[in-house]
Amino acid sequence: MNPKKFYATTSWAKSMSTLPDKVRLEVYDAMFEYVETGQVPKMSAEGKAAFAFIRTDIDMEVDKNISICAKRLEAVNKRWNREPKSQQD
């Protein structure tokens, strides 16, 4: 995973509010490791279950950002690679 940033949502915190502190910390650490390395770290069963939903959101956000970047690059290349307009005398 290339992007080094992501947006967390308050719904994630609300969903995990009933988990024990140890599991919540495990999931929070996993979020950052996943975005940084693209690898899912080893976690407890509770942590894996909570992280599965978050991972889906992160993956969708990354895919969306990659798509937007590709479209912007294409637009820039069209602009800079087009034939210059001929000057009318």
Protein backbone atom coordinates (compact mmCIF):
# COMPACT_ATOMS: atom_id res chain seq x y z
CA MET A 1 0.00 0.00 0.00
CA ASN A 2 1.63 3.22 -1.12
CA PRO A 3 -0.30 6.08 0.53
CA LYS A 4 1.00 6.92 3.96
CA LYS A 5 -2.18 8.57 5.19
CA PHE A 6 -5.77 7.62 5.76
CA TYR A 7 -8.88 9.07 7.33
CA ALA A 8 -10.24 7.44 10.45
CA THR A 9 -13.94 7.68 11.18
CA THR A 10 -15.74 8.18 14.45
CA SER A 11 -17.85 5.14 13.61
CA TRP A 12 -14.74 2.99 14.03
CA ALA A 13 -14.23 4.34 17.54
CA LYS A 14 -17.90 3.86 18.36
CA SER A 15 -17.81 0.28 17.09
CA MET A 16 -14.79 -0.51 19.21
CA SER A 17 -15.91 1.34 22.34
CA THR A 18 -17.07 -1.84 24.05
CA LEU A 19 -13.83 -3.74 23.39
CA PRO A 20 -11.25 -4.07 26.13
CA ASP A 21 -8.51 -1.43 26.03
CA LYS A 22 -5.88 -3.99 25.03
CA VAL A 23 -7.88 -5.03 21.94
CA ARG A 24 -8.63 -1.42 20.93
CA LEU A 25 -4.94 -0.55 21.12
CA GLU A 26 -4.13 -3.65 19.10
CA VAL A 27 -6.56 -2.53 16.37
CA TYR A 28 -5.32 1.07 16.38
CA ASP A 29 -1.74 -0.13 16.01
CA ALA A 30 -2.83 -2.50 13.24
CA MET A 31 -4.42 0.37 11.29
CA PHE A 32 -1.17 2.28 11.15
CA GLU A 33 0.95 -0.76 10.40
CA TYR A 34 -1.41 -1.80 7.59
CA VAL A 35 -1.32 1.62 5.96
CA GLU A 36 2.46 1.82 6.33
CA THR A 37 3.38 -1.70 5.19
CA GLY A 38 0.30 -3.21 3.55
CA GLN A 39 0.60 -6.17 5.91
CA VAL A 40 -1.94 -7.19 8.51
CA PRO A 41 -0.14 -7.83 11.79
CA LYS A 42 -0.84 -10.81 14.02
CA MET A 43 -3.79 -10.05 16.29
CA SER A 44 -6.18 -11.71 18.69
CA ALA A 45 -9.45 -13.08 17.33
CA GLU A 46 -11.32 -10.04 18.67
CA GLY A 47 -8.80 -7.70 17.08
CA LYS A 48 -9.03 -9.47 13.72
CA ALA A 49 -12.81 -9.23 13.74
CA ALA A 50 -12.78 -5.51 14.50
CA PHE A 51 -9.99 -4.79 12.04
CA ALA A 52 -11.70 -6.63 9.16
CA PHE A 53 -14.29 -3.86 8.83
CA ILE A 54 -11.72 -1.11 9.14
CA ARG A 55 -9.46 -2.76 6.56
CA THR A 56 -12.31 -2.77 4.05
CA ASP A 57 -12.82 0.97 4.55
CA ILE A 58 -9.10 1.68 4.26
CA ASP A 59 -8.81 -0.39 1.07
CA MET A 60 -11.78 1.40 -0.51
CA GLU A 61 -10.32 4.79 0.38
CA VAL A 62 -6.91 3.87 -1.05
CA ASP A 63 -8.48 2.55 -4.27
CA LYS A 64 -10.52 5.74 -4.60
CA ASN A 65 -7.44 7.93 -4.10
CA ILE A 66 -5.42 5.92 -6.62
CA SER A 67 -8.23 6.29 -9.17
CA ILE A 68 -8.44 10.04 -8.60
CA CYS A 69 -4.67 10.41 -8.98
CA ALA A 70 -4.69 8.42 -12.21
CA LYS A 71 -7.48 10.59 -13.66
CA ARG A 72 -5.64 13.76 -12.69
CA LEU A 73 -2.41 12.49 -14.23
CA GLU A 74 -4.26 11.64 -17.43
CA ALA A 75 -5.76 15.14 -17.56
CA VAL A 76 -2.35 16.75 -17.04
CA ASN A 77 -0.78 14.58 -19.74
CA LYS A 78 -3.55 15.48 -22.19
CA ARG A 79 -2.99 19.15 -21.52
CA TRP A 80 0.79 19.06 -21.84
CA ASN A 81 1.04 16.58 -24.69
CA ARG A 82 -1.52 18.10 -27.05
CA GLU A 83 -0.52 19.68 -30.30
CA PRO A 84 0.08 23.42 -30.05
CA LYS A 85 -2.51 25.57 -31.77
CA SER A 86 -1.21 27.14 -34.94
CA GLN A 87 -1.07 30.92 -34.94
CA GLN A 88 -3.22 32.60 -37.58
CA ASP A 89 -1.53 35.60 -39.24
